[in-house]
């Protein structure tokens, strides 16, 4: 059986386990051609999987007219998904594919952040390769915008993702895994992976960097052919097909007509997207299976673990702060112990040594408020916790893309939020002034986000005070003299145990977006435009002059340099030497938030 990609080219069925690449500028037809190949694989009853960060491959579910049903293939995630995706469900999706032997479109285009997308892709690739090693079978993996998953110059956080996909491309054929790389920027795809391609489809390319990458592939394969003048002239839907070793061909072909809907074309101005009926498939069992596994993945997520521990600690502090009842409610105490033990059991698989110690402290606090048999239950719980095994936390990878800064609706500077309040020392009841309480609460909020210290400027700005005011300096002095905060090296401040009991992290940001929104209220309008652009690009840097352009400032103005200096002093950005590139810091991306 053949895979009829073009009237002039029919591929053997073992193309399913070979390495292919579709290169071409936007609109040249590469996604159309790869989708045509997926149709042919479906007709041949071959399994294929699509990892789609663009959100176009759902169109396989529609016929070419855009109304009738197409291929009955499940779509996970995206705007047209049958089943929603969670960033923690990469392993689960790989298990579904391997256990059920189904073809699948995995649409990661609607993940809230690039970090979520990278985390999913890394865990999916590693699990998929592991499962296929144990149960080899033919399957083809399409990577849309392959540079998103196999970058030529990976950031530190992208190393694990690159390794996982490189291993699939290098060793996957031994276990039945083939794949296709689709990209409009071949120079940004890892060369070691791209050069493994056995069949290259090169569509129209006009940029010198793109053509240089193709020249490199040709040289690697030992082809004596000059293609520099040919590629810019290729018509849309036409590609030069090269396969020097596998098929021994080098010719220009016209891609055949698809019978499913083409959603890869650019939307026309004024066109309206009408609701369409997708091909119906039975997904109720899949939905229920995935829902249960997603919940389990959440429970084992170290971030979720920290959040739950923080909730339990707040409950314990609240319990200690309440006046002792005339007659202790032993039943209520027992219920609290039960909840703590149950939480420990749910979180056991991912508990770390630090979390273990925190859980012990929590249970000990509950135990001090308990009576009679509750004490025995506490002892049993602590003994149980001693047996908990620890596992390392999985690092999060990021694969951001360049996006300009979004518009900002409202700007409030610290000066507008300032309260001219004279600080007063804690009284006998432990009361502090409102600015001092905000300082304690700010330190507590960041402490829960695994940022245990704040600089002088950060503490002032986040508690809506001026770092240059005598009032703020006096508040720092009072909190230090009353042992509520302590000074760390580098003029940084942290809570003491006494301060931690008074502080409240109840208003800590619930998400990265909420944290960024909070900072937007504490900096000026131009400063926020700079931050917003750097946040969207994190962890990559933006050129000094380009950042000025994005934030509507002059790179040679004193105001722009002052804004850079202010954001650096707050620890929000870092800059290279002279007018070097600028990037956001990890303070804007604490591990405790997603």
Protein backbone atom coordinates (compact mmCIF):
# COMPACT_ATOMS: atom_id res chain seq x y z
CA UNK A 1 0.00 0.00 0.00
CA UNK A 2 1.25 3.49 -0.88
CA UNK A 3 0.81 6.93 0.68
CA UNK A 4 -0.15 9.17 -2.25
CA UNK A 5 1.18 12.54 -1.17
CA UNK A 6 1.35 13.83 -4.76
CA UNK A 7 0.36 12.60 -8.22
CA UNK A 8 4.10 12.44 -8.85
CA UNK A 9 5.11 10.84 -5.54
CA UNK A 10 3.71 7.84 -3.66
CA UNK A 11 5.56 6.97 -0.48
CA UNK A 12 5.96 3.40 0.78
CA UNK A 13 4.01 2.58 3.92
CA UNK A 14 7.20 2.37 5.96
CA UNK A 15 7.30 6.19 5.75
CA UNK A 16 5.37 5.93 9.01
CA UNK A 17 8.60 5.00 10.80
CA UNK A 18 10.94 7.29 8.84
CA UNK A 19 12.13 10.85 9.58
CA UNK A 20 10.64 13.57 7.35
CA UNK A 21 10.80 17.37 7.32
CA UNK A 22 8.53 20.01 5.77
CA UNK A 23 10.27 23.38 5.45
CA UNK A 24 8.80 26.54 3.99
CA UNK A 25 7.75 30.09 4.69
CA UNK A 26 4.30 30.91 6.04
CA UNK A 27 1.60 30.10 3.49
CA UNK A 28 3.84 28.00 1.24
CA UNK A 29 1.90 24.78 1.92
CA UNK A 30 4.01 22.80 4.40
CA UNK A 31 1.19 22.21 6.93
CA UNK A 32 -1.21 21.43 4.07
CA UNK A 33 1.23 18.79 2.77
CA UNK A 34 1.83 17.25 6.20
CA UNK A 35 -1.94 17.08 6.78
CA UNK A 36 -2.30 15.36 3.43
CA UNK A 37 0.24 12.78 4.58
CA UNK A 38 -1.74 12.30 7.82
CA UNK A 39 -4.89 11.65 5.73
CA UNK A 40 -3.02 8.98 3.77
CA UNK A 41 -1.75 7.36 6.97
CA UNK A 42 -5.29 7.31 8.33
CA UNK A 43 -6.53 5.64 5.13
CA UNK A 44 -3.78 3.04 5.54
CA UNK A 45 -4.85 2.45 9.19
CA UNK A 46 -1.47 3.70 10.42
CA UNK A 47 -1.26 5.43 13.80
CA UNK A 48 -0.10 9.05 13.97
CA UNK A 49 0.10 11.74 16.65
CA UNK A 50 0.21 15.52 16.14
CA UNK A 51 1.73 17.97 18.64
CA UNK A 52 0.24 21.29 17.59
CA UNK A 53 1.19 24.63 19.23
CA UNK A 54 -0.68 26.63 16.55
CA UNK A 55 -4.20 25.22 16.89
CA UNK A 56 -4.85 24.22 13.26
CA UNK A 57 -4.77 20.42 13.12
CA UNK A 58 -8.27 20.00 14.59
CA UNK A 59 -9.40 20.59 10.98
CA UNK A 60 -8.78 16.89 10.25
CA UNK A 61 -12.15 16.39 11.96
CA UNK A 62 -13.94 18.26 9.12
CA UNK A 63 -14.36 17.48 5.43
CA UNK A 64 -12.88 19.89 2.88
CA UNK A 65 -16.15 21.83 2.55
CA UNK A 66 -15.91 22.80 6.23
CA UNK A 67 -19.33 21.38 7.14
CA UNK A 68 -19.37 17.59 6.72
CA UNK A 69 -17.50 15.31 9.17
CA UNK A 70 -13.91 14.38 8.37
CA UNK A 71 -11.62 11.93 10.20
CA UNK A 72 -12.96 10.68 13.53
CA UNK A 73 -9.77 11.47 15.43
CA UNK A 74 -9.80 12.71 19.05
CA UNK A 75 -8.57 16.25 19.66
CA UNK A 76 -7.11 16.93 23.12
CA UNK A 77 -6.86 20.58 24.15
CA UNK A 78 -7.26 23.77 22.13
CA UNK A 79 -10.44 25.61 21.17
CA UNK A 80 -11.96 22.56 19.47
CA UNK A 81 -10.82 19.85 21.87
CA UNK A 82 -12.94 16.90 22.95
CA UNK A 83 -10.96 16.67 26.19
CA UNK A 84 -9.20 19.56 28.00
CA UNK A 85 -5.47 19.43 28.65
CA UNK A 86 -3.64 20.22 31.88
CA UNK A 87 0.08 21.14 31.95
CA UNK A 88 0.58 18.15 34.27
CA UNK A 89 -1.09 15.63 31.93
CA UNK A 90 1.80 14.96 29.50
CA UNK A 91 2.49 11.49 30.90
CA UNK A 92 -1.21 10.68 30.95
CA UNK A 93 -1.70 11.57 27.28
CA UNK A 94 1.32 9.44 26.33
CA UNK A 95 -0.19 6.53 28.28
CA UNK A 96 -3.55 6.96 26.50
CA UNK A 97 -1.84 6.84 23.09
CA UNK A 98 0.22 3.77 23.94
CA UNK A 99 -2.48 1.88 25.82
CA UNK A 100 -5.22 2.43 23.24
CA UNK A 101 -3.17 2.57 20.04
CA UNK A 102 -5.17 5.57 18.78
CA UNK A 103 -4.23 8.46 16.53
CA UNK A 104 -4.52 11.79 18.29
CA UNK A 105 -4.23 15.55 17.82
CA UNK A 106 -2.67 17.21 20.89
CA UNK A 107 -3.44 20.94 20.68
CA UNK A 108 -1.26 22.89 23.16
CA UNK A 109 -2.06 26.29 21.64
CA UNK A 110 -4.30 27.39 24.53
CA UNK A 111 -1.96 26.80 27.45
CA UNK A 112 -1.77 29.94 29.57
CA UNK A 113 2.02 30.20 29.46
CA UNK A 114 5.01 28.90 27.53
CA UNK A 115 6.16 27.26 30.75
CA UNK A 116 2.98 25.16 30.82
CA UNK A 117 3.48 24.16 27.19
CA UNK A 118 7.11 23.19 27.76
CA UNK A 119 6.29 21.19 30.88
CA UNK A 120 3.60 19.23 29.05
CA UNK A 121 5.81 18.58 26.00
CA UNK A 122 8.79 17.43 28.08
CA UNK A 123 6.80 14.98 30.16
CA UNK A 124 4.88 13.74 27.11
CA UNK A 125 8.02 13.05 25.04
CA UNK A 126 9.87 11.30 27.86
CA UNK A 127 6.89 9.11 28.75
CA UNK A 128 6.02 8.34 25.11
CA UNK A 129 9.55 7.12 24.35
CA UNK A 130 9.67 5.07 27.55
CA UNK A 131 6.35 3.35 26.78
CA UNK A 132 7.23 2.63 23.15
CA UNK A 133 10.48 0.98 24.21
CA UNK A 134 8.44 -1.54 26.19
CA UNK A 135 5.82 -2.11 23.47
CA UNK A 136 7.20 -1.21 20.01
CA UNK A 137 4.69 -0.47 17.22
CA UNK A 138 4.59 1.82 14.19
CA UNK A 139 3.52 5.40 14.94
CA UNK A 140 4.31 8.75 13.30
CA UNK A 141 4.78 11.96 15.32
CA UNK A 142 4.09 15.29 13.59
CA UNK A 143 5.74 18.31 15.29
CA UNK A 144 4.12 21.53 14.07
CA UNK A 145 6.49 24.53 14.48
CA UNK A 146 9.26 22.11 15.43
CA UNK A 147 11.55 24.87 16.71
CA UNK A 148 9.19 25.17 19.68
CA UNK A 149 10.18 21.67 20.83
CA UNK A 150 13.64 21.09 19.30
CA UNK A 151 15.41 24.48 19.44
CA UNK A 152 18.86 25.00 17.97
CA UNK A 153 19.94 27.24 20.86
CA UNK A 154 18.07 26.00 23.93
CA UNK A 155 17.83 28.05 27.07
CA UNK A 156 18.83 26.29 30.27
CA UNK A 157 15.19 25.52 31.05
CA UNK A 158 14.70 23.94 27.60
CA UNK A 159 17.49 21.38 27.89
CA UNK A 160 15.30 18.53 29.17
CA UNK A 161 12.70 19.08 26.46
CA UNK A 162 15.34 19.11 23.71
CA UNK A 163 16.92 15.94 25.10
CA UNK A 164 13.58 14.11 25.21
CA UNK A 165 12.69 14.85 21.57
CA UNK A 166 16.25 14.35 20.32
CA UNK A 167 16.25 10.87 21.83
CA UNK A 168 13.00 10.08 19.99
CA UNK A 169 14.47 11.24 16.67
CA UNK A 170 17.77 9.42 17.17
CA UNK A 171 16.56 6.12 18.60
CA UNK A 172 12.81 6.05 18.03
CA UNK A 173 12.88 4.07 14.78
CA UNK A 174 14.18 1.06 16.73
CA UNK A 175 10.82 0.99 18.51
CA UNK A 176 8.60 1.96 15.56
CA UNK A 177 8.57 5.76 16.02
CA UNK A 178 8.86 7.96 12.93
CA UNK A 179 8.29 11.68 12.72
CA UNK A 180 7.87 14.83 10.66
CA UNK A 181 9.32 18.24 11.49
CA UNK A 182 7.33 21.26 10.25
CA UNK A 183 8.90 24.70 10.44
CA UNK A 184 9.13 28.05 8.69
CA UNK A 185 12.47 28.74 10.41
CA UNK A 186 14.73 25.71 9.80
CA UNK A 187 17.75 27.61 11.15
CA UNK A 188 16.11 27.55 14.62
CA UNK A 189 15.61 23.76 14.60
CA UNK A 190 18.40 21.74 16.21
CA UNK A 191 20.77 20.76 13.39
CA UNK A 192 21.61 17.35 14.86
CA UNK A 193 17.92 16.46 14.69
CA UNK A 194 17.17 18.08 11.32
CA UNK A 195 20.10 16.27 9.70
CA UNK A 196 18.56 12.92 10.63
CA UNK A 197 15.83 13.60 8.04
CA UNK A 198 15.59 10.94 5.33
CA UNK A 199 13.03 12.78 3.16
CA UNK A 200 13.01 16.58 2.94
CA UNK A 201 10.14 18.58 1.44
CA UNK A 202 11.37 22.11 0.83
CA UNK A 203 8.69 24.64 -0.09
CA UNK A 204 9.22 28.28 -1.01
CA UNK A 205 12.01 29.87 1.06
CA UNK A 206 13.34 33.35 0.37
CA UNK A 207 15.35 34.27 3.48
CA UNK A 208 19.12 33.70 3.39
CA UNK A 209 19.22 32.10 6.85
CA UNK A 210 16.48 29.62 5.94
CA UNK A 211 18.18 28.65 2.67
CA UNK A 212 21.52 28.31 4.45
CA UNK A 213 19.97 25.74 6.78
CA UNK A 214 18.75 23.75 3.76
CA UNK A 215 22.20 24.00 2.18
CA UNK A 216 23.62 22.53 5.38
CA UNK A 217 21.26 19.57 5.17
CA UNK A 218 22.16 18.98 1.53
CA UNK A 219 25.87 19.11 2.31
CA UNK A 220 25.37 16.67 5.19
CA UNK A 221 23.72 14.23 2.78
CA UNK A 222 26.45 14.62 0.18
CA UNK A 223 24.15 16.00 -2.54
CA UNK A 224 25.93 17.94 -5.29
CA UNK A 225 23.11 20.32 -6.13
CA UNK A 226 22.68 24.11 -6.11
CA UNK A 227 19.21 25.06 -4.92
CA UNK A 228 19.72 28.72 -3.92
CA UNK A 229 18.04 30.07 -7.03
CA UNK A 230 15.20 27.54 -7.08
CA UNK A 231 13.60 27.81 -3.64
CA UNK A 232 12.37 31.44 -3.79
CA UNK A 233 10.59 30.68 -7.09
CA UNK A 234 8.61 27.62 -6.00
CA UNK A 235 4.85 28.09 -6.39
CA UNK A 236 2.57 27.64 -3.39
CA UNK A 237 1.80 23.97 -2.81
CA UNK A 238 4.95 22.87 -4.67
CA UNK A 239 8.00 21.43 -2.95
CA UNK A 240 11.38 20.06 -3.88
CA UNK A 241 11.49 16.52 -2.49
CA UNK A 242 14.94 15.17 -1.61
CA UNK A 243 15.71 11.65 -0.39
CA UNK A 244 19.25 10.71 -1.48
CA UNK A 245 19.56 7.49 0.54
CA UNK A 246 16.07 6.16 1.24
CA UNK A 247 14.09 6.88 -1.97
CA UNK A 248 16.92 8.21 -4.21
CA UNK A 249 14.83 11.12 -5.53
CA UNK A 250 15.33 14.85 -6.07
CA UNK A 251 12.47 16.55 -7.86
CA UNK A 252 9.81 19.23 -7.58
CA UNK A 253 6.31 17.91 -6.86
CA UNK A 254 2.84 19.40 -6.50
CA UNK A 255 1.06 18.31 -3.30
CA UNK A 256 -2.21 16.46 -3.91
CA UNK A 257 -5.59 17.80 -2.83
CA UNK A 258 -6.70 17.22 0.76
CA UNK A 259 -10.14 15.81 1.46
CA UNK A 260 -10.25 17.28 4.98
CA UNK A 261 -10.67 20.94 5.89
CA UNK A 262 -7.74 23.35 5.49
CA UNK A 263 -7.60 25.43 8.68
CA UNK A 264 -3.94 26.34 8.15
CA UNK A 265 -4.76 29.13 5.69
CA UNK A 266 -4.59 32.68 7.04
CA UNK A 267 -8.05 34.03 8.05
CA UNK A 268 -9.42 36.63 5.61
CA UNK A 269 -10.41 40.12 6.75
CA UNK A 270 -14.13 40.23 7.49
CA UNK A 271 -14.53 36.45 7.42
CA UNK A 272 -16.64 34.97 10.21
CA UNK A 273 -15.94 31.58 11.76
CA UNK A 274 -19.28 29.74 11.81
CA UNK A 275 -19.94 26.82 14.14
CA UNK A 276 -19.33 23.51 12.41
CA UNK A 277 -20.18 19.98 13.34
CA UNK A 278 -17.05 17.91 13.94
CA UNK A 279 -16.89 14.19 13.35
CA UNK A 280 -18.48 12.44 16.32
CA UNK A 281 -16.41 10.03 18.37
CA UNK A 282 -17.08 8.21 21.61
CA UNK A 283 -14.98 9.93 24.24
CA UNK A 284 -16.94 9.49 27.47
CA UNK A 285 -14.64 6.74 28.73
CA UNK A 286 -11.57 8.76 27.80
CA UNK A 287 -12.93 11.83 29.58
CA UNK A 288 -13.60 9.97 32.80
CA UNK A 289 -10.23 8.20 32.69
CA UNK A 290 -8.37 11.45 32.09
CA UNK A 291 -10.30 13.41 34.71
CA UNK A 292 -9.29 10.94 37.43
CA UNK A 293 -5.67 10.87 36.33
CA UNK A 294 -5.45 14.66 36.06
CA UNK A 295 -6.67 14.99 39.63
CA UNK A 296 -4.05 12.48 40.73
CA UNK A 297 -1.37 14.43 38.85
CA UNK A 298 -2.45 17.61 40.61
CA UNK A 299 -2.21 15.90 43.99
CA UNK A 300 1.36 14.77 43.19
CA UNK A 301 2.42 18.17 41.85
CA UNK A 302 5.01 19.78 44.18
CA UNK A 303 3.42 23.20 43.61
CA UNK A 304 0.05 21.86 44.65
CA UNK A 305 1.77 20.26 47.63
CA UNK A 306 3.17 23.58 48.78
CA UNK A 307 -0.19 25.30 48.30
CA UNK A 308 -1.99 22.68 50.38
CA UNK A 309 0.63 22.84 53.14
CA UNK A 310 0.25 26.62 53.23
CA UNK A 311 -3.52 26.25 53.64
CA UNK A 312 -3.08 23.82 56.50
CA UNK A 313 -0.53 26.07 58.21
CA UNK A 314 -2.86 29.06 57.99
CA UNK A 315 -5.59 26.96 59.55
CA UNK A 316 -3.22 25.92 62.35
CA UNK A 317 -2.14 29.54 63.03
CA UNK A 318 -5.77 30.60 63.13
CA UNK A 319 -6.50 27.84 65.60
CA UNK A 320 -3.63 28.93 67.89
CA UNK A 321 -4.75 32.57 67.76
CA UNK A 322 -8.29 31.77 68.93
CA UNK A 323 -8.98 31.99 72.68
CA UNK A 324 -9.16 28.62 74.38
CA UNK A 325 -12.76 27.44 74.84
CA UNK A 326 -14.06 26.69 78.28
CA UNK A 327 -14.61 23.08 77.23
CA UNK A 328 -12.32 21.91 74.43
CA UNK A 329 -14.16 20.35 71.53
CA UNK A 330 -12.29 17.04 71.26
CA UNK A 331 -14.34 15.97 68.26
CA UNK A 332 -13.34 19.10 66.29
CA UNK A 333 -9.66 18.57 67.18
CA UNK A 334 -9.87 14.96 66.06
CA UNK A 335 -11.39 16.08 62.74
CA UNK A 336 -8.49 18.49 62.17
CA UNK A 337 -5.99 15.72 62.84
CA UNK A 338 -7.88 13.48 60.42
CA UNK A 339 -7.73 16.13 57.70
CA UNK A 340 -4.00 16.65 58.23
CA UNK A 341 -3.27 12.91 58.07
CA UNK A 342 -5.45 12.55 54.98
CA UNK A 343 -3.59 15.42 53.33
CA UNK A 344 -0.26 13.75 54.15
CA UNK A 345 -1.44 10.50 52.57
CA UNK A 346 -2.62 12.25 49.40
CA UNK A 347 0.64 14.12 49.04
CA UNK A 348 2.92 11.26 50.07
CA UNK A 349 4.22 10.44 46.59
CA UNK A 350 5.76 13.86 45.99
CA UNK A 351 6.67 14.99 49.49
CA UNK A 352 10.13 16.47 49.87
CA UNK A 353 12.24 16.71 53.00
CA UNK A 354 11.34 20.35 53.50
CA UNK A 355 7.63 19.63 53.05
CA UNK A 356 7.92 16.70 55.46
CA UNK A 357 9.31 18.98 58.15
CA UNK A 358 6.57 21.52 57.56
CA UNK A 359 3.89 18.87 57.82
CA UNK A 360 5.41 17.67 61.08
CA UNK A 361 5.29 21.21 62.48
CA UNK A 362 1.68 21.54 61.44
CA UNK A 363 0.63 18.31 63.10
CA UNK A 364 2.59 19.22 66.20
CA UNK A 365 0.72 22.53 66.40
CA UNK A 366 -2.59 20.72 66.11
CA UNK A 367 -1.41 18.26 68.72
CA UNK A 368 -0.75 20.99 71.24
CA UNK A 369 -4.42 21.98 71.03
CA UNK A 370 -5.69 18.43 71.36
CA UNK A 371 -6.70 16.31 74.33
CA UNK A 372 -7.09 12.63 75.30
CA UNK A 373 -7.01 10.20 72.37
CA UNK A 374 -6.21 12.98 69.85
CA UNK A 375 -2.65 12.96 71.21
CA UNK A 376 -2.31 9.26 70.42
CA UNK A 377 -3.66 9.88 66.92
CA UNK A 378 -1.08 12.63 66.45
CA UNK A 379 1.75 10.30 67.50
CA UNK A 380 0.56 7.73 64.97
CA UNK A 381 0.41 10.39 62.26
CA UNK A 382 3.98 11.52 62.97
CA UNK A 383 5.21 7.93 62.92
CA UNK A 384 3.48 7.47 59.57
CA UNK A 385 5.10 10.60 58.17
CA UNK A 386 8.54 9.25 59.09
CA UNK A 387 8.03 6.51 56.51
CA UNK A 388 7.23 8.92 53.71
CA UNK A 389 9.65 8.62 50.82
CA UNK A 390 10.98 11.71 49.06
CA UNK A 391 11.33 12.43 45.38
CA UNK A 392 13.03 15.37 43.61
CA UNK A 393 10.83 18.08 42.27
CA UNK A 394 10.56 18.19 38.46
CA UNK A 395 11.98 21.47 37.12
CA UNK A 396 9.79 23.58 34.86
CA UNK A 397 11.06 24.38 31.39
CA UNK A 398 10.21 27.44 29.40
CA UNK A 399 10.14 27.94 25.67
CA UNK A 400 8.87 31.52 25.27
CA UNK A 401 8.33 33.30 21.96
CA UNK A 402 8.78 36.98 21.15
CA UNK A 403 5.55 38.86 21.80
CA UNK A 404 5.18 42.60 22.14
CA UNK A 405 3.90 44.16 25.33
CA UNK A 406 0.12 44.19 25.86
CA UNK A 407 -1.83 47.35 26.47
CA UNK A 408 -2.25 48.44 30.08
CA UNK A 409 -5.52 49.90 31.25
CA UNK A 410 -4.71 51.53 34.60
CA UNK A 411 -1.46 52.71 36.11
CA UNK A 412 -0.96 53.73 39.71
CA UNK A 413 2.48 54.70 40.97
CA UNK A 414 3.73 54.21 44.53
CA UNK A 415 3.34 57.94 45.14
CA UNK A 416 -0.39 57.73 44.44
CA UNK A 417 -0.78 54.80 46.81
CA UNK A 418 1.28 56.39 49.59
CA UNK A 419 -0.16 56.74 53.08
CA UNK A 420 1.45 59.39 55.30
CA UNK A 421 1.28 57.32 58.46
CA UNK A 422 3.50 57.70 61.50
CA UNK A 423 4.59 54.25 62.58
CA UNK A 424 3.93 53.21 66.14
CA UNK A 425 5.62 50.37 67.97
CA UNK A 426 3.69 47.22 68.77
CA UNK A 427 1.62 47.58 71.90
CA UNK A 428 1.00 45.01 74.54
CA UNK A 429 -1.55 43.24 72.35
CA UNK A 430 0.96 42.84 69.53
CA UNK A 431 -0.68 45.49 67.31
CA UNK A 432 1.31 47.14 64.55
CA UNK A 433 0.51 50.08 62.30
CA UNK A 434 -1.08 49.52 58.92
CA UNK A 435 2.12 50.20 56.89
CA UNK A 436 4.04 47.84 59.17
CA UNK A 437 1.38 45.15 58.77
CA UNK A 438 1.61 45.54 55.00
CA UNK A 439 5.36 45.03 55.24
CA UNK A 440 4.92 41.86 57.29
CA UNK A 441 2.17 40.59 54.97
CA UNK A 442 4.32 41.27 51.89
CA UNK A 443 7.20 39.25 53.34
CA UNK A 444 4.80 36.42 54.23
CA UNK A 445 3.24 36.40 50.76
CA UNK A 446 6.62 36.10 49.03
CA UNK A 447 7.83 33.57 51.58
CA UNK A 448 4.99 31.27 50.52
CA UNK A 449 6.20 31.70 46.94
CA UNK A 450 9.66 30.39 47.95
CA UNK A 451 11.13 33.92 48.02
CA UNK A 452 12.12 34.24 51.70
CA UNK A 453 13.82 37.66 51.40
CA UNK A 454 12.99 41.05 49.88
CA UNK A 455 15.32 43.97 49.23
CA UNK A 456 14.80 47.42 50.73
CA UNK A 457 13.18 48.72 47.55
CA UNK A 458 11.02 45.65 46.98
CA UNK A 459 9.67 45.69 50.51
CA UNK A 460 8.89 49.42 50.31
CA UNK A 461 7.19 49.32 46.93
CA UNK A 462 5.18 46.17 47.58
CA UNK A 463 3.90 47.62 50.87
CA UNK A 464 3.00 50.87 49.01
CA UNK A 465 5.62 53.07 50.69
CA UNK A 466 8.44 55.14 49.32
CA UNK A 467 11.87 53.53 49.74
CA UNK A 468 13.34 57.03 50.22
CA UNK A 469 10.90 58.20 52.88
CA UNK A 470 11.84 58.63 56.53
CA UNK A 471 8.53 56.93 57.45
CA UNK A 472 9.52 53.69 55.74
CA UNK A 473 12.98 53.79 57.30
CA UNK A 474 11.36 54.27 60.71
CA UNK A 475 8.98 51.35 60.12
CA UNK A 476 11.92 49.10 59.26
CA UNK A 477 13.69 50.18 62.45
CA UNK A 478 10.61 49.50 64.60
CA UNK A 479 9.99 46.05 63.11
CA UNK A 480 13.64 45.12 63.57
CA UNK A 481 13.80 46.38 67.17
CA UNK A 482 10.70 44.35 68.01
CA UNK A 483 12.22 41.22 66.43
CA UNK A 484 9.48 40.95 63.78
CA UNK A 485 11.91 41.13 60.84
CA UNK A 486 15.61 40.53 60.51
CA UNK A 487 18.26 41.94 58.17
CA UNK A 488 20.06 39.57 55.84
CA UNK A 489 23.27 40.23 53.82
CA UNK A 490 22.79 42.65 50.92
CA UNK A 491 20.28 44.82 52.82
CA UNK A 492 17.56 42.19 52.49
CA UNK A 493 14.80 41.52 54.98
CA UNK A 494 13.06 38.35 56.15
CA UNK A 495 10.43 37.47 58.74
CA UNK A 496 11.40 36.21 62.15
CA UNK A 497 9.34 33.47 63.77
CA UNK A 498 7.54 36.13 65.84
CA UNK A 499 6.83 38.22 62.76
CA UNK A 500 5.60 35.15 60.91
CA UNK A 501 2.93 34.60 63.56
CA UNK A 502 1.64 38.16 63.14
CA UNK A 503 1.91 38.25 59.32
CA UNK A 504 -0.79 37.03 57.00
CA UNK A 505 -0.28 35.74 53.47
CA UNK A 506 -4.00 35.57 52.80
CA UNK A 507 -3.71 38.24 50.09
CA UNK A 508 -0.79 36.64 48.31
CA UNK A 509 -1.23 36.52 44.50
CA UNK A 510 -3.10 33.40 43.42
CA UNK A 511 -1.35 33.16 40.05
CA UNK A 512 1.47 34.62 37.99
CA UNK A 513 -1.02 36.91 36.26
CA UNK A 514 -2.20 38.22 39.64
CA UNK A 515 1.40 38.83 40.75
CA UNK A 516 2.20 40.70 37.55
CA UNK A 517 -1.00 42.75 37.93
CA UNK A 518 0.09 43.67 41.46
CA UNK A 519 3.46 44.89 40.22
CA UNK A 520 1.73 46.88 37.47
CA UNK A 521 0.11 48.97 40.19
CA UNK A 522 3.46 49.78 41.82
CA UNK A 523 5.41 51.04 38.81
CA UNK A 524 4.85 53.85 36.33
CA UNK A 525 3.19 53.44 32.94
CA UNK A 526 6.42 53.30 30.88
CA UNK A 527 8.00 50.97 33.43
CA UNK A 528 5.02 48.61 33.20
CA UNK A 529 5.17 48.57 29.41
CA UNK A 530 8.80 47.52 29.72
CA UNK A 531 7.99 44.87 32.32
CA UNK A 532 5.06 43.49 30.33
CA UNK A 533 7.23 42.93 27.26
CA UNK A 534 9.97 41.26 29.32
CA UNK A 535 7.42 39.07 31.13
CA UNK A 536 6.08 37.74 27.83
CA UNK A 537 9.64 37.05 26.64
CA UNK A 538 10.95 35.49 29.88
CA UNK A 539 13.56 34.05 30.34
CA UNK A 540 14.96 35.39 27.08
CA UNK A 541 16.25 38.93 26.85
CA UNK A 542 15.15 41.84 24.66
CA UNK A 543 17.59 44.18 22.95
CA UNK A 544 18.06 47.46 24.84
CA UNK A 545 16.89 49.65 21.95
CA UNK A 546 14.08 47.26 20.99
CA UNK A 547 12.71 47.40 24.53
CA UNK A 548 12.65 51.20 24.35
CA UNK A 549 10.72 50.99 21.08
CA UNK A 550 8.17 48.54 22.53
CA UNK A 551 7.59 50.78 25.55
CA UNK A 552 7.30 53.96 23.41
CA UNK A 553 10.46 55.56 24.81
CA UNK A 554 13.69 56.88 23.35
CA UNK A 555 16.70 54.64 24.05
CA UNK A 556 18.88 57.77 24.42
CA UNK A 557 16.61 59.63 26.84
CA UNK A 558 17.44 60.10 30.52
CA UNK A 559 13.90 59.00 31.40
CA UNK A 560 14.37 55.60 29.79
CA UNK A 561 17.68 55.03 31.57
CA UNK A 562 16.05 56.09 34.84
CA UNK A 563 13.25 53.57 34.32
CA UNK A 564 15.84 50.86 33.67
CA UNK A 565 17.65 51.85 36.87
CA UNK A 566 14.46 51.84 38.94
CA UNK A 567 13.39 48.37 37.76
CA UNK A 568 16.91 47.03 38.35
CA UNK A 569 16.96 48.43 41.88
CA UNK A 570 13.69 46.61 42.56
CA UNK A 571 15.27 43.36 41.36
CA UNK A 572 12.67 43.00 38.60
CA UNK A 573 15.04 43.16 35.62
CA UNK A 574 18.68 42.54 34.80
CA UNK A 575 20.74 44.16 32.04
CA UNK A 576 23.92 43.29 30.24
CA UNK A 577 27.00 45.56 30.19
CA UNK A 578 26.64 49.04 28.63
CA UNK A 579 23.44 48.99 26.60
CA UNK A 580 23.24 45.22 26.70
CA UNK A 581 20.11 43.07 26.46
CA UNK A 582 17.48 43.31 29.19
CA UNK A 583 15.53 40.43 30.76
CA UNK A 584 13.06 39.84 33.58
CA UNK A 585 14.27 38.17 36.79
CA UNK A 586 12.97 35.13 38.62
CA UNK A 587 11.30 37.43 41.16
CA UNK A 588 8.48 37.81 38.62
CA UNK A 589 8.24 34.03 38.18
CA UNK A 590 8.38 32.44 41.65
CA UNK A 591 8.22 28.65 41.74
CA UNK A 592 5.15 28.74 43.94
CA UNK A 593 2.92 30.24 41.22
CA UNK A 594 1.75 29.08 37.80
